[in-house]
């Protein structure tokens, strides 16, 4: 989040991907962070894919779907 907040989207993407590779306990949060990094890089197809993987509780699914719609609209 720090990298993304500073506009360092490639660094954010690298950090999130590294974290996912190590294993995460909250897949939805990790995929959302991945999607945000892709949005920052203007890679909307990958962002939509990341956001679309949200599952489990209803809130994560709704938020993921909304961001996926945003990413696909670009």
PDB file of N, CA and C in Angstrom:
ATOM      1  N   UNK A   1       0.820  -1.198   0.000  1.00  0.00           N
ATOM      2  CA  UNK A   1       0.000   0.000   0.000  1.00  0.00           C
ATOM      3  C   UNK A   1       0.858   1.253   0.000  1.00  0.00           C
ATOM      4  N   UNK A   2       1.993   1.206   0.671  1.00  0.00           N
ATOM      5  CA  UNK A   2       2.865   2.374   0.709  1.00  0.00           C
ATOM      6  C   UNK A   2       3.377   2.706  -0.687  1.00  0.00           C
ATOM      7  N   UNK A   3       3.834   1.700  -1.417  1.00  0.00           N
ATOM      8  CA  UNK A   3       4.318   1.940  -2.778  1.00  0.00           C
ATOM      9  C   UNK A   3       3.204   2.488  -3.660  1.00  0.00           C
ATOM     10  N   UNK A   4       2.041   1.895  -3.563  1.00  0.00           N
ATOM     11  CA  UNK A   4       0.918   2.325  -4.386  1.00  0.00           C
ATOM     12  C   UNK A   4       0.552   3.772  -4.062  1.00  0.00           C
ATOM     13  N   UNK A   5       0.549   4.107  -2.787  1.00  0.00           N
ATOM     14  CA  UNK A   5       0.225   5.467  -2.355  1.00  0.00           C
ATOM     15  C   UNK A   5       1.221   6.500  -2.829  1.00  0.00           C
ATOM     16  N   UNK A   6       2.459   6.086  -3.081  1.00  0.00           N
ATOM     17  CA  UNK A   6       3.492   6.994  -3.577  1.00  0.00           C
ATOM     18  C   UNK A   6       3.542   7.018  -5.104  1.00  0.00           C
ATOM     19  N   UNK A   7       2.649   6.262  -5.738  1.00  0.00           N
ATOM     20  CA  UNK A   7       2.646   6.219  -7.196  1.00  0.00           C
ATOM     21  C   UNK A   7       3.695   5.293  -7.777  1.00  0.00           C
ATOM     22  N   UNK A   8       4.291   4.468  -6.940  1.00  0.00           N
ATOM     23  CA  UNK A   8       5.318   3.517  -7.396  1.00  0.00           C
ATOM     24  C   UNK A   8       4.637   2.170  -7.656  1.00  0.00           C
ATOM     25  N   UNK A   9       3.878   2.143  -8.752  1.00  0.00           N
ATOM     26  CA  UNK A   9       3.005   1.013  -9.018  1.00  0.00           C
ATOM     27  C   UNK A   9       3.762  -0.267  -9.355  1.00  0.00           C
ATOM     28  N   UNK A  10       4.866  -0.161 -10.074  1.00  0.00           N
ATOM     29  CA  UNK A  10       5.637  -1.369 -10.386  1.00  0.00           C
ATOM     30  C   UNK A  10       6.219  -1.969  -9.108  1.00  0.00           C
ATOM     31  N   UNK A  11       6.707  -1.117  -8.211  1.00  0.00           N
ATOM     32  CA  UNK A  11       7.217  -1.621  -6.932  1.00  0.00           C
ATOM     33  C   UNK A  11       6.091  -2.262  -6.122  1.00  0.00           C
ATOM     34  N   UNK A  12       4.910  -1.661  -6.168  1.00  0.00           N
ATOM     35  CA  UNK A  12       3.757  -2.227  -5.469  1.00  0.00           C
ATOM     36  C   UNK A  12       3.415  -3.592  -6.043  1.00  0.00           C
ATOM     37  N   UNK A  13       3.400  -3.695  -7.367  1.00  0.00           N
ATOM     38  CA  UNK A  13       3.100  -4.969  -8.013  1.00  0.00           C
ATOM     39  C   UNK A  13       4.124  -6.027  -7.614  1.00  0.00           C
ATOM     40  N   UNK A  14       5.392  -5.676  -7.659  1.00  0.00           N
ATOM     41  CA  UNK A  14       6.444  -6.629  -7.285  1.00  0.00           C
ATOM     42  C   UNK A  14       6.293  -7.094  -5.841  1.00  0.00           C
ATOM     43  N   UNK A  15       5.995  -6.166  -4.948  1.00  0.00           N
ATOM     44  CA  UNK A  15       5.850  -6.513  -3.532  1.00  0.00           C
ATOM     45  C   UNK A  15       4.650  -7.433  -3.308  1.00  0.00           C
ATOM     46  N   UNK A  16       3.540  -7.137  -3.948  1.00  0.00           N
ATOM     47  CA  UNK A  16       2.338  -7.963  -3.780  1.00  0.00           C
ATOM     48  C   UNK A  16       2.574  -9.350  -4.360  1.00  0.00           C
ATOM     49  N   UNK A  17       3.157  -9.415  -5.547  1.00  0.00           N
ATOM     50  CA  UNK A  17       3.423 -10.719  -6.157  1.00  0.00           C
ATOM     51  C   UNK A  17       4.374 -11.542  -5.305  1.00  0.00           C
ATOM     52  N   UNK A  18       5.369 -10.904  -4.726  1.00  0.00           N
ATOM     53  CA  UNK A  18       6.305 -11.592  -3.841  1.00  0.00           C
ATOM     54  C   UNK A  18       5.588 -12.137  -2.613  1.00  0.00           C
ATOM     55  N   UNK A  19       4.713 -11.331  -2.044  1.00  0.00           N
ATOM     56  CA  UNK A  19       3.949 -11.771  -0.884  1.00  0.00           C
ATOM     57  C   UNK A  19       3.029 -12.932  -1.206  1.00  0.00           C
ATOM     58  N   UNK A  20       2.369 -12.875  -2.344  1.00  0.00           N
ATOM     59  CA  UNK A  20       1.477 -13.960  -2.747  1.00  0.00           C
ATOM     60  C   UNK A  20       2.270 -15.245  -2.952  1.00  0.00           C
ATOM     61  N   UNK A  21       3.443 -15.127  -3.555  1.00  0.00           N
ATOM     62  CA  UNK A  21       4.289 -16.301  -3.790  1.00  0.00           C
ATOM     63  C   UNK A  21       4.717 -16.967  -2.482  1.00  0.00           C
ATOM     64  N   UNK A  22       4.899 -16.178  -1.437  1.00  0.00           N
ATOM     65  CA  UNK A  22       5.295 -16.714  -0.132  1.00  0.00           C
ATOM     66  C   UNK A  22       4.130 -17.376   0.586  1.00  0.00           C
ATOM     67  N   UNK A  23       2.915 -17.013   0.189  1.00  0.00           N
ATOM     68  CA  UNK A  23       1.724 -17.556   0.830  1.00  0.00           C
ATOM     69  C   UNK A  23       1.026 -16.493   1.641  1.00  0.00           C
ATOM     70  N   UNK A  24      -0.282 -16.442   1.499  1.00  0.00           N
ATOM     71  CA  UNK A  24      -1.072 -15.451   2.211  1.00  0.00           C
ATOM     72  C   UNK A  24      -2.209 -16.131   2.953  1.00  0.00           C
ATOM     73  N   UNK A  25      -2.649 -15.512   4.034  1.00  0.00           N
ATOM     74  CA  UNK A  25      -3.788 -16.047   4.784  1.00  0.00           C
ATOM     75  C   UNK A  25      -5.094 -15.412   4.322  1.00  0.00           C
ATOM     76  N   UNK A  26      -5.015 -14.226   3.721  1.00  0.00           N
ATOM     77  CA  UNK A  26      -6.207 -13.537   3.243  1.00  0.00           C
ATOM     78  C   UNK A  26      -6.068 -13.312   1.740  1.00  0.00           C
ATOM     79  N   UNK A  27      -6.502 -14.290   0.976  1.00  0.00           N
ATOM     80  CA  UNK A  27      -6.366 -14.249  -0.483  1.00  0.00           C
ATOM     81  C   UNK A  27      -7.099 -13.057  -1.086  1.00  0.00           C
ATOM     82  N   UNK A  28      -8.273 -12.733  -0.569  1.00  0.00           N
ATOM     83  CA  UNK A  28      -9.042 -11.619  -1.127  1.00  0.00           C
ATOM     84  C   UNK A  28      -8.299 -10.292  -1.013  1.00  0.00           C
ATOM     85  N   UNK A  29      -7.723 -10.028   0.129  1.00  0.00           N
ATOM     86  CA  UNK A  29      -6.978  -8.784   0.324  1.00  0.00           C
ATOM     87  C   UNK A  29      -5.769  -8.737  -0.601  1.00  0.00           C
ATOM     88  N   UNK A  30      -5.088  -9.856  -0.736  1.00  0.00           N
ATOM     89  CA  UNK A  30      -3.917  -9.916  -1.615  1.00  0.00           C
ATOM     90  C   UNK A  30      -4.309  -9.667  -3.067  1.00  0.00           C
ATOM     91  N   UNK A  31      -5.387 -10.277  -3.520  1.00  0.00           N
ATOM     92  CA  UNK A  31      -5.828 -10.098  -4.901  1.00  0.00           C
ATOM     93  C   UNK A  31      -6.317  -8.673  -5.149  1.00  0.00           C
ATOM     94  N   UNK A  32      -6.957  -8.068  -4.156  1.00  0.00           N
ATOM     95  CA  UNK A  32      -7.380  -6.679  -4.293  1.00  0.00           C
ATOM     96  C   UNK A  32      -6.155  -5.767  -4.426  1.00  0.00           C
ATOM     97  N   UNK A  33      -5.136  -5.991  -3.604  1.00  0.00           N
ATOM     98  CA  UNK A  33      -3.912  -5.192  -3.687  1.00  0.00           C
ATOM     99  C   UNK A  33      -3.249  -5.379  -5.048  1.00  0.00           C
ATOM    100  N   UNK A  34      -3.272  -6.606  -5.542  1.00  0.00           N
ATOM    101  CA  UNK A  34      -2.717  -6.882  -6.867  1.00  0.00           C
ATOM    102  C   UNK A  34      -3.493  -6.108  -7.928  1.00  0.00           C
ATOM    103  N   UNK A  35      -4.803  -6.119  -7.823  1.00  0.00           N
ATOM    104  CA  UNK A  35      -5.628  -5.372  -8.769  1.00  0.00           C
ATOM    105  C   UNK A  35      -5.352  -3.881  -8.736  1.00  0.00           C
ATOM    106  N   UNK A  36      -5.196  -3.322  -7.541  1.00  0.00           N
ATOM    107  CA  UNK A  36      -4.899  -1.891  -7.433  1.00  0.00           C
ATOM    108  C   UNK A  36      -3.560  -1.556  -8.084  1.00  0.00           C
ATOM    109  N   UNK A  37      -2.572  -2.409  -7.905  1.00  0.00           N
ATOM    110  CA  UNK A  37      -1.265  -2.181  -8.534  1.00  0.00           C
ATOM    111  C   UNK A  37      -1.409  -2.199 -10.059  1.00  0.00           C
ATOM    112  N   UNK A  38      -2.174  -3.150 -10.577  1.00  0.00           N
ATOM    113  CA  UNK A  38      -2.389  -3.210 -12.020  1.00  0.00           C
ATOM    114  C   UNK A  38      -3.151  -1.985 -12.533  1.00  0.00           C
ATOM    115  N   UNK A  39      -4.128  -1.497 -11.778  1.00  0.00           N
ATOM    116  CA  UNK A  39      -4.836  -0.281 -12.181  1.00  0.00           C
ATOM    117  C   UNK A  39      -3.849   0.881 -12.272  1.00  0.00           C
ATOM    118  N   UNK A  40      -2.974   0.989 -11.282  1.00  0.00           N
ATOM    119  CA  UNK A  40      -1.968   2.057 -11.303  1.00  0.00           C
ATOM    120  C   UNK A  40      -1.072   1.982 -12.522  1.00  0.00           C
ATOM    121  N   UNK A  41      -0.795   0.764 -12.972  1.00  0.00           N
ATOM    122  CA  UNK A  41       0.038   0.566 -14.164  1.00  0.00           C
ATOM    123  C   UNK A  41      -0.779   0.650 -15.454  1.00  0.00           C
ATOM    124  N   UNK A  42      -2.071   0.889 -15.315  1.00  0.00           N
ATOM    125  CA  UNK A  42      -2.998   0.964 -16.443  1.00  0.00           C
ATOM    126  C   UNK A  42      -3.093  -0.354 -17.206  1.00  0.00           C
ATOM    127  N   UNK A  43      -2.857  -1.451 -16.493  1.00  0.00           N
ATOM    128  CA  UNK A  43      -3.018  -2.786 -17.060  1.00  0.00           C
ATOM    129  C   UNK A  43      -4.383  -3.288 -16.590  1.00  0.00           C
ATOM    130  N   UNK A  44      -5.418  -2.783 -17.246  1.00  0.00           N
ATOM    131  CA  UNK A  44      -6.778  -3.009 -16.783  1.00  0.00           C
ATOM    132  C   UNK A  44      -7.248  -4.451 -16.962  1.00  0.00           C
ATOM    133  N   UNK A  45      -6.741  -5.149 -17.961  1.00  0.00           N
ATOM    134  CA  UNK A  45      -7.139  -6.548 -18.155  1.00  0.00           C
ATOM    135  C   UNK A  45      -6.669  -7.397 -16.983  1.00  0.00           C
ATOM    136  N   UNK A  46      -5.442  -7.211 -16.565  1.00  0.00           N
ATOM    137  CA  UNK A  46      -4.913  -7.960 -15.420  1.00  0.00           C
ATOM    138  C   UNK A  46      -5.600  -7.525 -14.133  1.00  0.00           C
ATOM    139  N   UNK A  47      -5.917  -6.240 -14.026  1.00  0.00           N
ATOM    140  CA  UNK A  47      -6.618  -5.745 -12.840  1.00  0.00           C
ATOM    141  C   UNK A  47      -7.982  -6.406 -12.728  1.00  0.00           C
ATOM    142  N   UNK A  48      -8.720  -6.456 -13.837  1.00  0.00           N
ATOM    143  CA  UNK A  48     -10.043  -7.082 -13.822  1.00  0.00           C
ATOM    144  C   UNK A  48      -9.941  -8.548 -13.428  1.00  0.00           C
ATOM    145  N   UNK A  49      -8.913  -9.211 -13.917  1.00  0.00           N
ATOM    146  CA  UNK A  49      -8.702 -10.623 -13.572  1.00  0.00           C
ATOM    147  C   UNK A  49      -8.441 -10.780 -12.071  1.00  0.00           C
ATOM    148  N   UNK A  50      -7.592  -9.927 -11.524  1.00  0.00           N
ATOM    149  CA  UNK A  50      -7.279  -9.997 -10.089  1.00  0.00           C
ATOM    150  C   UNK A  50      -8.513  -9.704  -9.248  1.00  0.00           C
ATOM    151  N   UNK A  51      -9.226  -8.655  -9.591  1.00  0.00           N
ATOM    152  CA  UNK A  51     -10.424  -8.297  -8.831  1.00  0.00           C
ATOM    153  C   UNK A  51     -11.501  -9.370  -8.932  1.00  0.00           C
ATOM    154  N   UNK A  52     -11.559 -10.049 -10.058  1.00  0.00           N
ATOM    155  CA  UNK A  52     -12.575 -11.069 -10.280  1.00  0.00           C
ATOM    156  C   UNK A  52     -12.379 -12.343  -9.489  1.00  0.00           C
ATOM    157  N   UNK A  53     -11.243 -12.485  -8.824  1.00  0.00           N
ATOM    158  CA  UNK A  53     -10.978 -13.712  -8.066  1.00  0.00           C
ATOM    159  C   UNK A  53     -11.497 -13.655  -6.637  1.00  0.00           C
ATOM    160  N   UNK A  54     -12.040 -12.535  -6.229  1.00  0.00           N
ATOM    161  CA  UNK A  54     -12.554 -12.407  -4.856  1.00  0.00           C
ATOM    162  C   UNK A  54     -13.648 -13.439  -4.621  1.00  0.00           C
ATOM    163  N   UNK A  55     -13.525 -14.143  -3.524  1.00  0.00           N
ATOM    164  CA  UNK A  55     -14.540 -15.135  -3.183  1.00  0.00           C
ATOM    165  C   UNK A  55     -14.716 -15.176  -1.674  1.00  0.00           C
ATOM    166  N   UNK A  56     -15.526 -16.063  -1.222  1.00  0.00           N
ATOM    167  CA  UNK A  56     -15.728 -16.190   0.215  1.00  0.00           C
ATOM    168  C   UNK A  56     -16.900 -15.359   0.681  1.00  0.00           C
ATOM    169  N   UNK A  57     -16.617 -14.330   1.472  1.00  0.00           N
ATOM    170  CA  UNK A  57     -17.722 -13.547   2.030  1.00  0.00           C
ATOM    171  C   UNK A  57     -18.321 -12.601   0.994  1.00  0.00           C
ATOM    172  N   UNK A  58     -19.536 -12.227   1.207  1.00  0.00           N
ATOM    173  CA  UNK A  58     -20.266 -11.404   0.245  1.00  0.00           C
ATOM    174  C   UNK A  58     -19.620 -10.043   0.014  1.00  0.00           C
ATOM    175  N   UNK A  59     -19.070  -9.426   1.041  1.00  0.00           N
ATOM    176  CA  UNK A  59     -18.468  -8.099   0.907  1.00  0.00           C
ATOM    177  C   UNK A  59     -17.289  -8.141  -0.056  1.00  0.00           C
ATOM    178  N   UNK A  60     -16.413  -9.125   0.084  1.00  0.00           N
ATOM    179  CA  UNK A  60     -15.257  -9.240  -0.802  1.00  0.00           C
ATOM    180  C   UNK A  60     -15.696  -9.449  -2.242  1.00  0.00           C
ATOM    181  N   UNK A  61     -16.723 -10.255  -2.445  1.00  0.00           N
ATOM    182  CA  UNK A  61     -17.217 -10.499  -3.804  1.00  0.00           C
ATOM    183  C   UNK A  61     -17.776  -9.224  -4.424  1.00  0.00           C
ATOM    184  N   UNK A  62     -18.561  -8.484  -3.678  1.00  0.00           N
ATOM    185  CA  UNK A  62     -19.168  -7.255  -4.206  1.00  0.00           C
ATOM    186  C   UNK A  62     -18.090  -6.234  -4.540  1.00  0.00           C
ATOM    187  N   UNK A  63     -17.161  -6.014  -3.642  1.00  0.00           N
ATOM    188  CA  UNK A  63     -16.095  -5.039  -3.881  1.00  0.00           C
ATOM    189  C   UNK A  63     -15.246  -5.473  -5.066  1.00  0.00           C
ATOM    190  N   UNK A  64     -14.889  -6.746  -5.104  1.00  0.00           N
ATOM    191  CA  UNK A  64     -14.107  -7.258  -6.231  1.00  0.00           C
ATOM    192  C   UNK A  64     -14.822  -7.082  -7.554  1.00  0.00           C
ATOM    193  N   UNK A  65     -16.098  -7.366  -7.576  1.00  0.00           N
ATOM    194  CA  UNK A  65     -16.871  -7.215  -8.822  1.00  0.00           C
ATOM    195  C   UNK A  65     -16.970  -5.756  -9.244  1.00  0.00           C
ATOM    196  N   UNK A  66     -17.164  -4.866  -8.295  1.00  0.00           N
ATOM    197  CA  UNK A  66     -17.248  -3.442  -8.633  1.00  0.00           C
ATOM    198  C   UNK A  66     -15.921  -2.941  -9.229  1.00  0.00           C
ATOM    199  N   UNK A  67     -14.817  -3.292  -8.616  1.00  0.00           N
ATOM    200  CA  UNK A  67     -13.524  -2.880  -9.143  1.00  0.00           C
ATOM    201  C   UNK A  67     -13.257  -3.557 -10.486  1.00  0.00           C
ATOM    202  N   UNK A  68     -13.721  -4.779 -10.656  1.00  0.00           N
ATOM    203  CA  UNK A  68     -13.556  -5.463 -11.931  1.00  0.00           C
ATOM    204  C   UNK A  68     -14.307  -4.727 -13.033  1.00  0.00           C
ATOM    205  N   UNK A  69     -15.509  -4.266 -12.737  1.00  0.00           N
ATOM    206  CA  UNK A  69     -16.276  -3.483 -13.713  1.00  0.00           C
ATOM    207  C   UNK A  69     -15.514  -2.200 -14.053  1.00  0.00           C
ATOM    208  N   UNK A  70     -14.990  -1.539 -13.051  1.00  0.00           N
ATOM    209  CA  UNK A  70     -14.207  -0.314 -13.292  1.00  0.00           C
ATOM    210  C   UNK A  70     -13.030  -0.605 -14.219  1.00  0.00           C
ATOM    211  N   UNK A  71     -12.291  -1.671 -13.912  1.00  0.00           N
ATOM    212  CA  UNK A  71     -11.104  -1.998 -14.710  1.00  0.00           C
ATOM    213  C   UNK A  71     -11.474  -2.347 -16.146  1.00  0.00           C
ATOM    214  N   UNK A  72     -12.567  -3.063 -16.324  1.00  0.00           N
ATOM    215  CA  UNK A  72     -12.973  -3.447 -17.684  1.00  0.00           C
ATOM    216  C   UNK A  72     -13.520  -2.271 -18.477  1.00  0.00           C
ATOM    217  N   UNK A  73     -13.902  -1.199 -17.808  1.00  0.00           N
ATOM    218  CA  UNK A  73     -14.464  -0.041 -18.521  1.00  0.00           C
ATOM    219  C   UNK A  73     -13.389   0.858 -19.116  1.00  0.00           C
ATOM    220  N   UNK A  74     -12.141   0.554 -18.867  1.00  0.00           N
ATOM    221  CA  UNK A  74     -11.037   1.374 -19.400  1.00  0.00           C
ATOM    222  C   UNK A  74     -10.393   0.733 -20.591  1.00  0.00           C
TER     223      UNK A  74
END
